[in-house]
């Protein structure tokens, strides 16, 4: 398994996203995050806090996973849900 930690602007995000299975967005404040849109377009499963417009893009347990906030135990729960998500939903 390869992990990428992307912070801030990247010149060519598609190079990372085409290999991503999951995108974790732990933002407290967002409007409509481009990274989430790009990852969805690339087929990655999104795990995210409900910041800004994210709940309008992701239907929890259907098109992605919404976690309560960015506390470590909620992030861990989201990742654990993601491990069986693809098998259950066949995305």
PDB file of N, CA and C in Angstrom:
ATOM      1  N   UNK A   1       0.842  -1.166   0.000  1.00  0.00           N
ATOM      2  CA  UNK A   1       0.000   0.000   0.000  1.00  0.00           C
ATOM      3  C   UNK A   1       0.895   1.239   0.000  1.00  0.00           C
ATOM      4  N   UNK A   2       0.557   2.171  -0.833  1.00  0.00           N
ATOM      5  CA  UNK A   2       1.294   3.426  -0.903  1.00  0.00           C
ATOM      6  C   UNK A   2       0.430   4.531  -0.339  1.00  0.00           C
ATOM      7  N   UNK A   3       1.013   5.368   0.489  1.00  0.00           N
ATOM      8  CA  UNK A   3       0.289   6.502   1.059  1.00  0.00           C
ATOM      9  C   UNK A   3       0.920   7.793   0.590  1.00  0.00           C
ATOM     10  N   UNK A   4       0.075   8.742   0.236  1.00  0.00           N
ATOM     11  CA  UNK A   4       0.521  10.084  -0.118  1.00  0.00           C
ATOM     12  C   UNK A   4      -0.115  11.052   0.862  1.00  0.00           C
ATOM     13  N   UNK A   5       0.655  11.958   1.370  1.00  0.00           N
ATOM     14  CA  UNK A   5       0.139  13.017   2.224  1.00  0.00           C
ATOM     15  C   UNK A   5       0.283  14.310   1.437  1.00  0.00           C
ATOM     16  N   UNK A   6      -0.826  14.827   0.980  1.00  0.00           N
ATOM     17  CA  UNK A   6      -0.814  16.020   0.137  1.00  0.00           C
ATOM     18  C   UNK A   6      -1.308  17.208   0.942  1.00  0.00           C
ATOM     19  N   UNK A   7      -0.480  18.195   1.041  1.00  0.00           N
ATOM     20  CA  UNK A   7      -0.832  19.416   1.753  1.00  0.00           C
ATOM     21  C   UNK A   7      -0.682  20.583   0.784  1.00  0.00           C
ATOM     22  N   UNK A   8      -1.704  21.394   0.672  1.00  0.00           N
ATOM     23  CA  UNK A   8      -1.597  22.571  -0.177  1.00  0.00           C
ATOM     24  C   UNK A   8      -1.692  22.259  -1.661  1.00  0.00           C
ATOM     25  N   UNK A   9      -1.254  23.194  -2.453  1.00  0.00           N
ATOM     26  CA  UNK A   9      -1.367  23.122  -3.907  1.00  0.00           C
ATOM     27  C   UNK A   9      -0.371  22.126  -4.506  1.00  0.00           C
ATOM     28  N   UNK A  10      -0.832  21.345  -5.468  1.00  0.00           N
ATOM     29  CA  UNK A  10       0.017  20.432  -6.237  1.00  0.00           C
ATOM     30  C   UNK A  10      -0.164  20.746  -7.714  1.00  0.00           C
ATOM     31  N   UNK A  11       0.947  20.792  -8.451  1.00  0.00           N
ATOM     32  CA  UNK A  11       0.891  21.098  -9.884  1.00  0.00           C
ATOM     33  C   UNK A  11       0.116  20.053 -10.677  1.00  0.00           C
ATOM     34  N   UNK A  12       0.299  18.792 -10.364  1.00  0.00           N
ATOM     35  CA  UNK A  12      -0.334  17.711 -11.122  1.00  0.00           C
ATOM     36  C   UNK A  12      -1.017  16.720 -10.177  1.00  0.00           C
ATOM     37  N   UNK A  13      -2.137  17.094  -9.586  1.00  0.00           N
ATOM     38  CA  UNK A  13      -2.790  16.192  -8.629  1.00  0.00           C
ATOM     39  C   UNK A  13      -3.287  14.902  -9.256  1.00  0.00           C
ATOM     40  N   UNK A  14      -3.559  14.917 -10.557  1.00  0.00           N
ATOM     41  CA  UNK A  14      -4.072  13.712 -11.207  1.00  0.00           C
ATOM     42  C   UNK A  14      -3.094  12.550 -11.086  1.00  0.00           C
ATOM     43  N   UNK A  15      -1.803  12.836 -11.026  1.00  0.00           N
ATOM     44  CA  UNK A  15      -0.811  11.774 -10.869  1.00  0.00           C
ATOM     45  C   UNK A  15      -0.992  11.025  -9.552  1.00  0.00           C
ATOM     46  N   UNK A  16      -1.406  11.728  -8.521  1.00  0.00           N
ATOM     47  CA  UNK A  16      -1.659  11.090  -7.234  1.00  0.00           C
ATOM     48  C   UNK A  16      -3.048  10.466  -7.212  1.00  0.00           C
ATOM     49  N   UNK A  17      -4.022  11.183  -7.736  1.00  0.00           N
ATOM     50  CA  UNK A  17      -5.408  10.747  -7.637  1.00  0.00           C
ATOM     51  C   UNK A  17      -5.707   9.499  -8.456  1.00  0.00           C
ATOM     52  N   UNK A  18      -5.044   9.311  -9.569  1.00  0.00           N
ATOM     53  CA  UNK A  18      -5.348   8.136 -10.392  1.00  0.00           C
ATOM     54  C   UNK A  18      -4.940   6.848  -9.681  1.00  0.00           C
ATOM     55  N   UNK A  19      -4.070   6.944  -8.691  1.00  0.00           N
ATOM     56  CA  UNK A  19      -3.658   5.776  -7.920  1.00  0.00           C
ATOM     57  C   UNK A  19      -4.308   5.700  -6.542  1.00  0.00           C
ATOM     58  N   UNK A  20      -5.146   6.668  -6.231  1.00  0.00           N
ATOM     59  CA  UNK A  20      -5.738   6.732  -4.892  1.00  0.00           C
ATOM     60  C   UNK A  20      -6.978   5.855  -4.790  1.00  0.00           C
ATOM     61  N   UNK A  21      -7.085   5.152  -3.694  1.00  0.00           N
ATOM     62  CA  UNK A  21      -8.310   4.417  -3.387  1.00  0.00           C
ATOM     63  C   UNK A  21      -9.205   5.253  -2.483  1.00  0.00           C
ATOM     64  N   UNK A  22      -8.569   6.036  -1.614  1.00  0.00           N
ATOM     65  CA  UNK A  22      -9.301   6.837  -0.624  1.00  0.00           C
ATOM     66  C   UNK A  22      -8.704   8.232  -0.567  1.00  0.00           C
ATOM     67  N   UNK A  23      -9.575   9.229  -0.426  1.00  0.00           N
ATOM     68  CA  UNK A  23      -9.134  10.588  -0.110  1.00  0.00           C
ATOM     69  C   UNK A  23      -9.740  10.943   1.238  1.00  0.00           C
ATOM     70  N   UNK A  24      -8.911  11.347   2.163  1.00  0.00           N
ATOM     71  CA  UNK A  24      -9.345  11.742   3.495  1.00  0.00           C
ATOM     72  C   UNK A  24      -9.266  13.257   3.596  1.00  0.00           C
ATOM     73  N   UNK A  25     -10.406  13.900   3.795  1.00  0.00           N
ATOM     74  CA  UNK A  25     -10.467  15.359   3.944  1.00  0.00           C
ATOM     75  C   UNK A  25     -10.922  15.666   5.363  1.00  0.00           C
ATOM     76  N   UNK A  26     -10.018  16.223   6.164  1.00  0.00           N
ATOM     77  CA  UNK A  26     -10.319  16.471   7.577  1.00  0.00           C
ATOM     78  C   UNK A  26     -10.493  17.955   7.887  1.00  0.00           C
ATOM     79  N   UNK A  27     -10.911  18.712   6.911  1.00  0.00           N
ATOM     80  CA  UNK A  27     -11.035  20.157   7.064  1.00  0.00           C
ATOM     81  C   UNK A  27     -12.111  20.548   8.067  1.00  0.00           C
ATOM     82  N   UNK A  28     -11.839  21.654   8.770  1.00  0.00           N
ATOM     83  CA  UNK A  28     -12.854  22.271   9.625  1.00  0.00           C
ATOM     84  C   UNK A  28     -13.698  23.255   8.827  1.00  0.00           C
ATOM     85  N   UNK A  29     -13.061  23.924   7.864  1.00  0.00           N
ATOM     86  CA  UNK A  29     -13.734  24.944   7.068  1.00  0.00           C
ATOM     87  C   UNK A  29     -13.420  24.721   5.593  1.00  0.00           C
ATOM     88  N   UNK A  30     -14.436  24.676   4.776  1.00  0.00           N
ATOM     89  CA  UNK A  30     -14.299  24.533   3.326  1.00  0.00           C
ATOM     90  C   UNK A  30     -15.497  25.222   2.690  1.00  0.00           C
ATOM     91  N   UNK A  31     -15.383  25.506   1.422  1.00  0.00           N
ATOM     92  CA  UNK A  31     -16.558  25.916   0.670  1.00  0.00           C
ATOM     93  C   UNK A  31     -16.955  24.718  -0.182  1.00  0.00           C
ATOM     94  N   UNK A  32     -16.331  24.562  -1.325  1.00  0.00           N
ATOM     95  CA  UNK A  32     -16.534  23.402  -2.180  1.00  0.00           C
ATOM     96  C   UNK A  32     -15.139  22.929  -2.594  1.00  0.00           C
ATOM     97  N   UNK A  33     -14.547  22.008  -1.835  1.00  0.00           N
ATOM     98  CA  UNK A  33     -13.142  21.650  -2.046  1.00  0.00           C
ATOM     99  C   UNK A  33     -12.878  20.963  -3.382  1.00  0.00           C
ATOM    100  N   UNK A  34     -12.015  21.558  -4.159  1.00  0.00           N
ATOM    101  CA  UNK A  34     -11.632  21.025  -5.461  1.00  0.00           C
ATOM    102  C   UNK A  34     -10.993  19.643  -5.333  1.00  0.00           C
ATOM    103  N   UNK A  35     -10.216  19.433  -4.281  1.00  0.00           N
ATOM    104  CA  UNK A  35      -9.558  18.132  -4.085  1.00  0.00           C
ATOM    105  C   UNK A  35     -10.576  17.004  -3.972  1.00  0.00           C
ATOM    106  N   UNK A  36     -11.679  17.259  -3.286  1.00  0.00           N
ATOM    107  CA  UNK A  36     -12.723  16.244  -3.147  1.00  0.00           C
ATOM    108  C   UNK A  36     -13.373  15.969  -4.499  1.00  0.00           C
ATOM    109  N   UNK A  37     -13.683  17.024  -5.244  1.00  0.00           N
ATOM    110  CA  UNK A  37     -14.280  16.849  -6.576  1.00  0.00           C
ATOM    111  C   UNK A  37     -13.356  16.061  -7.502  1.00  0.00           C
ATOM    112  N   UNK A  38     -12.075  16.412  -7.501  1.00  0.00           N
ATOM    113  CA  UNK A  38     -11.110  15.729  -8.366  1.00  0.00           C
ATOM    114  C   UNK A  38     -10.945  14.268  -7.968  1.00  0.00           C
ATOM    115  N   UNK A  39     -10.926  13.993  -6.681  1.00  0.00           N
ATOM    116  CA  UNK A  39     -10.788  12.618  -6.216  1.00  0.00           C
ATOM    117  C   UNK A  39     -12.030  11.794  -6.562  1.00  0.00           C
ATOM    118  N   UNK A  40     -13.196  12.398  -6.445  1.00  0.00           N
ATOM    119  CA  UNK A  40     -14.423  11.702  -6.833  1.00  0.00           C
ATOM    120  C   UNK A  40     -14.398  11.371  -8.319  1.00  0.00           C
ATOM    121  N   UNK A  41     -13.966  12.329  -9.128  1.00  0.00           N
ATOM    122  CA  UNK A  41     -13.882  12.104 -10.570  1.00  0.00           C
ATOM    123  C   UNK A  41     -12.891  10.998 -10.916  1.00  0.00           C
ATOM    124  N   UNK A  42     -11.860  10.849 -10.100  1.00  0.00           N
ATOM    125  CA  UNK A  42     -10.857   9.807 -10.324  1.00  0.00           C
ATOM    126  C   UNK A  42     -11.292   8.451  -9.768  1.00  0.00           C
ATOM    127  N   UNK A  43     -12.440   8.416  -9.080  1.00  0.00           N
ATOM    128  CA  UNK A  43     -12.956   7.159  -8.563  1.00  0.00           C
ATOM    129  C   UNK A  43     -12.544   6.816  -7.152  1.00  0.00           C
ATOM    130  N   UNK A  44     -11.954   7.758  -6.434  1.00  0.00           N
ATOM    131  CA  UNK A  44     -11.538   7.495  -5.052  1.00  0.00           C
ATOM    132  C   UNK A  44     -12.737   7.581  -4.115  1.00  0.00           C
ATOM    133  N   UNK A  45     -12.705   6.790  -3.078  1.00  0.00           N
ATOM    134  CA  UNK A  45     -13.701   6.866  -2.018  1.00  0.00           C
ATOM    135  C   UNK A  45     -13.343   8.049  -1.134  1.00  0.00           C
ATOM    136  N   UNK A  46     -14.304   8.891  -0.821  1.00  0.00           N
ATOM    137  CA  UNK A  46     -14.058  10.076  -0.012  1.00  0.00           C
ATOM    138  C   UNK A  46     -14.492   9.816   1.422  1.00  0.00           C
ATOM    139  N   UNK A  47     -13.599  10.130   2.354  1.00  0.00           N
ATOM    140  CA  UNK A  47     -13.908  10.166   3.780  1.00  0.00           C
ATOM    141  C   UNK A  47     -13.708  11.616   4.180  1.00  0.00           C
ATOM    142  N   UNK A  48     -14.744  12.257   4.708  1.00  0.00           N
ATOM    143  CA  UNK A  48     -14.632  13.684   4.972  1.00  0.00           C
ATOM    144  C   UNK A  48     -15.478  14.132   6.150  1.00  0.00           C
ATOM    145  N   UNK A  49     -15.049  15.237   6.730  1.00  0.00           N
ATOM    146  CA  UNK A  49     -15.857  15.943   7.702  1.00  0.00           C
ATOM    147  C   UNK A  49     -16.992  16.650   6.938  1.00  0.00           C
ATOM    148  N   UNK A  50     -18.032  17.097   7.629  1.00  0.00           N
ATOM    149  CA  UNK A  50     -19.136  17.760   6.938  1.00  0.00           C
ATOM    150  C   UNK A  50     -18.912  19.258   6.730  1.00  0.00           C
ATOM    151  N   UNK A  51     -17.703  19.646   6.450  1.00  0.00           N
ATOM    152  CA  UNK A  51     -17.371  21.070   6.297  1.00  0.00           C
ATOM    153  C   UNK A  51     -17.947  21.623   4.993  1.00  0.00           C
ATOM    154  N   UNK A  52     -18.468  22.827   5.058  1.00  0.00           N
ATOM    155  CA  UNK A  52     -18.928  23.550   3.874  1.00  0.00           C
ATOM    156  C   UNK A  52     -19.895  22.775   3.012  1.00  0.00           C
ATOM    157  N   UNK A  53     -19.617  22.704   1.721  1.00  0.00           N
ATOM    158  CA  UNK A  53     -20.495  22.055   0.765  1.00  0.00           C
ATOM    159  C   UNK A  53     -20.285  20.565   0.604  1.00  0.00           C
ATOM    160  N   UNK A  54     -19.424  19.975   1.412  1.00  0.00           N
ATOM    161  CA  UNK A  54     -19.129  18.551   1.273  1.00  0.00           C
ATOM    162  C   UNK A  54     -20.378  17.677   1.437  1.00  0.00           C
ATOM    163  N   UNK A  55     -21.261  17.938   2.412  1.00  0.00           N
ATOM    164  CA  UNK A  55     -22.465  17.094   2.514  1.00  0.00           C
ATOM    165  C   UNK A  55     -23.394  17.201   1.304  1.00  0.00           C
ATOM    166  N   UNK A  56     -23.230  18.228   0.503  1.00  0.00           N
ATOM    167  CA  UNK A  56     -24.029  18.332  -0.718  1.00  0.00           C
ATOM    168  C   UNK A  56     -23.445  17.465  -1.833  1.00  0.00           C
ATOM    169  N   UNK A  57     -22.180  17.074  -1.712  1.00  0.00           N
ATOM    170  CA  UNK A  57     -21.520  16.247  -2.720  1.00  0.00           C
ATOM    171  C   UNK A  57     -21.529  14.774  -2.350  1.00  0.00           C
ATOM    172  N   UNK A  58     -21.526  14.480  -1.056  1.00  0.00           N
ATOM    173  CA  UNK A  58     -21.379  13.104  -0.587  1.00  0.00           C
ATOM    174  C   UNK A  58     -22.624  12.687   0.182  1.00  0.00           C
ATOM    175  N   UNK A  59     -23.187  11.569  -0.219  1.00  0.00           N
ATOM    176  CA  UNK A  59     -24.279  10.959   0.536  1.00  0.00           C
ATOM    177  C   UNK A  59     -23.635   9.901   1.420  1.00  0.00           C
ATOM    178  N   UNK A  60     -23.729  10.121   2.738  1.00  0.00           N
ATOM    179  CA  UNK A  60     -23.046   9.244   3.689  1.00  0.00           C
ATOM    180  C   UNK A  60     -23.455   7.792   3.487  1.00  0.00           C
ATOM    181  N   UNK A  61     -22.458   6.931   3.470  1.00  0.00           N
ATOM    182  CA  UNK A  61     -22.605   5.484   3.301  1.00  0.00           C
ATOM    183  C   UNK A  61     -23.125   5.081   1.930  1.00  0.00           C
ATOM    184  N   UNK A  62     -23.174   6.015   0.996  1.00  0.00           N
ATOM    185  CA  UNK A  62     -23.604   5.671  -0.359  1.00  0.00           C
ATOM    186  C   UNK A  62     -22.559   6.102  -1.391  1.00  0.00           C
ATOM    187  N   UNK A  63     -22.247   7.388  -1.410  1.00  0.00           N
ATOM    188  CA  UNK A  63     -21.219   7.866  -2.344  1.00  0.00           C
ATOM    189  C   UNK A  63     -19.920   8.221  -1.633  1.00  0.00           C
ATOM    190  N   UNK A  64     -19.885   8.044  -0.345  1.00  0.00           N
ATOM    191  CA  UNK A  64     -18.696   8.334   0.452  1.00  0.00           C
ATOM    192  C   UNK A  64     -19.028   8.182   1.922  1.00  0.00           C
ATOM    193  N   UNK A  65     -18.128   8.647   2.753  1.00  0.00           N
ATOM    194  CA  UNK A  65     -18.288   8.529   4.199  1.00  0.00           C
ATOM    195  C   UNK A  65     -18.099   9.900   4.824  1.00  0.00           C
ATOM    196  N   UNK A  66     -19.096  10.323   5.587  1.00  0.00           N
ATOM    197  CA  UNK A  66     -19.016  11.583   6.330  1.00  0.00           C
ATOM    198  C   UNK A  66     -18.704  11.241   7.784  1.00  0.00           C
ATOM    199  N   UNK A  67     -17.630  11.834   8.303  1.00  0.00           N
ATOM    200  CA  UNK A  67     -17.287  11.638   9.714  1.00  0.00           C
ATOM    201  C   UNK A  67     -17.681  12.897  10.490  1.00  0.00           C
ATOM    202  N   UNK A  68     -17.932  12.742  11.770  1.00  0.00           N
ATOM    203  CA  UNK A  68     -18.450  13.843  12.589  1.00  0.00           C
ATOM    204  C   UNK A  68     -17.519  15.050  12.605  1.00  0.00           C
ATOM    205  N   UNK A  69     -16.248  14.824  12.844  1.00  0.00           N
ATOM    206  CA  UNK A  69     -15.262  15.907  12.905  1.00  0.00           C
ATOM    207  C   UNK A  69     -13.881  15.298  12.727  1.00  0.00           C
ATOM    208  N   UNK A  70     -12.852  16.101  12.918  1.00  0.00           N
ATOM    209  CA  UNK A  70     -11.499  15.600  12.656  1.00  0.00           C
ATOM    210  C   UNK A  70     -10.779  15.076  13.901  1.00  0.00           C
ATOM    211  N   UNK A  71     -11.531  14.615  14.858  1.00  0.00           N
ATOM    212  CA  UNK A  71     -10.930  13.971  16.025  1.00  0.00           C
ATOM    213  C   UNK A  71     -10.384  12.606  15.602  1.00  0.00           C
ATOM    214  N   UNK A  72      -9.256  12.188  16.168  1.00  0.00           N
ATOM    215  CA  UNK A  72      -8.632  10.932  15.741  1.00  0.00           C
ATOM    216  C   UNK A  72      -9.559   9.720  15.778  1.00  0.00           C
ATOM    217  N   UNK A  73     -10.409   9.602  16.786  1.00  0.00           N
ATOM    218  CA  UNK A  73     -11.296   8.443  16.885  1.00  0.00           C
ATOM    219  C   UNK A  73     -12.360   8.465  15.787  1.00  0.00           C
ATOM    220  N   UNK A  74     -12.791   9.645  15.344  1.00  0.00           N
ATOM    221  CA  UNK A  74     -13.758   9.719  14.243  1.00  0.00           C
ATOM    222  C   UNK A  74     -13.089   9.418  12.901  1.00  0.00           C
ATOM    223  N   UNK A  75     -11.856   9.880  12.740  1.00  0.00           N
ATOM    224  CA  UNK A  75     -11.104   9.553  11.519  1.00  0.00           C
ATOM    225  C   UNK A  75     -10.882   8.043  11.452  1.00  0.00           C
ATOM    226  N   UNK A  76     -10.483   7.449  12.567  1.00  0.00           N
ATOM    227  CA  UNK A  76     -10.268   6.004  12.629  1.00  0.00           C
ATOM    228  C   UNK A  76     -11.548   5.247  12.285  1.00  0.00           C
ATOM    229  N   UNK A  77     -12.666   5.691  12.814  1.00  0.00           N
ATOM    230  CA  UNK A  77     -13.951   5.057  12.516  1.00  0.00           C
ATOM    231  C   UNK A  77     -14.263   5.160  11.022  1.00  0.00           C
ATOM    232  N   UNK A  78     -14.014   6.308  10.439  1.00  0.00           N
ATOM    233  CA  UNK A  78     -14.256   6.490   9.005  1.00  0.00           C
ATOM    234  C   UNK A  78     -13.401   5.567   8.164  1.00  0.00           C
ATOM    235  N   UNK A  79     -12.148   5.417   8.537  1.00  0.00           N
ATOM    236  CA  UNK A  79     -11.250   4.519   7.798  1.00  0.00           C
ATOM    237  C   UNK A  79     -11.704   3.074   7.948  1.00  0.00           C
ATOM    238  N   UNK A  80     -12.104   2.680   9.144  1.00  0.00           N
ATOM    239  CA  UNK A  80     -12.600   1.320   9.356  1.00  0.00           C
ATOM    240  C   UNK A  80     -13.855   1.066   8.522  1.00  0.00           C
ATOM    241  N   UNK A  81     -14.751   2.040   8.453  1.00  0.00           N
ATOM    242  CA  UNK A  81     -15.940   1.897   7.606  1.00  0.00           C
ATOM    243  C   UNK A  81     -15.545   1.778   6.141  1.00  0.00           C
ATOM    244  N   UNK A  82     -14.518   2.508   5.736  1.00  0.00           N
ATOM    245  CA  UNK A  82     -14.072   2.491   4.339  1.00  0.00           C
ATOM    246  C   UNK A  82     -13.496   1.136   3.942  1.00  0.00           C
ATOM    247  N   UNK A  83     -12.901   0.436   4.881  1.00  0.00           N
ATOM    248  CA  UNK A  83     -12.292  -0.855   4.561  1.00  0.00           C
ATOM    249  C   UNK A  83     -13.311  -1.866   4.052  1.00  0.00           C
ATOM    250  N   UNK A  84     -14.556  -1.756   4.488  1.00  0.00           N
ATOM    251  CA  UNK A  84     -15.597  -2.679   4.003  1.00  0.00           C
ATOM    252  C   UNK A  84     -16.572  -1.978   3.063  1.00  0.00           C
ATOM    253  N   UNK A  85     -16.431  -0.687   2.875  1.00  0.00           N
ATOM    254  CA  UNK A  85     -17.378   0.087   2.063  1.00  0.00           C
ATOM    255  C   UNK A  85     -17.447  -0.400   0.636  1.00  0.00           C
ATOM    256  N   UNK A  86     -16.314  -0.571  -0.021  1.00  0.00           N
ATOM    257  CA  UNK A  86     -16.289  -0.945  -1.427  1.00  0.00           C
ATOM    258  C   UNK A  86     -16.937  -2.315  -1.652  1.00  0.00           C
ATOM    259  N   UNK A  87     -16.708  -3.236  -0.744  1.00  0.00           N
ATOM    260  CA  UNK A  87     -17.299  -4.565  -0.878  1.00  0.00           C
ATOM    261  C   UNK A  87     -18.805  -4.517  -0.722  1.00  0.00           C
ATOM    262  N   UNK A  88     -19.297  -3.656   0.184  1.00  0.00           N
ATOM    263  CA  UNK A  88     -20.722  -3.570   0.436  1.00  0.00           C
ATOM    264  C   UNK A  88     -21.468  -2.843  -0.661  1.00  0.00           C
ATOM    265  N   UNK A  89     -20.878  -1.779  -1.178  1.00  0.00           N
ATOM    266  CA  UNK A  89     -21.579  -0.920  -2.125  1.00  0.00           C
ATOM    267  C   UNK A  89     -21.194  -1.155  -3.581  1.00  0.00           C
ATOM    268  N   UNK A  90     -20.104  -1.885  -3.795  1.00  0.00           N
ATOM    269  CA  UNK A  90     -19.620  -2.160  -5.151  1.00  0.00           C
ATOM    270  C   UNK A  90     -19.467  -0.895  -5.988  1.00  0.00           C
ATOM    271  N   UNK A  91     -18.815   0.101  -5.416  1.00  0.00           N
ATOM    272  CA  UNK A  91     -18.574   1.343  -6.179  1.00  0.00           C
ATOM    273  C   UNK A  91     -17.481   1.146  -7.177  1.00  0.00           C
TER     274      UNK A  91
END
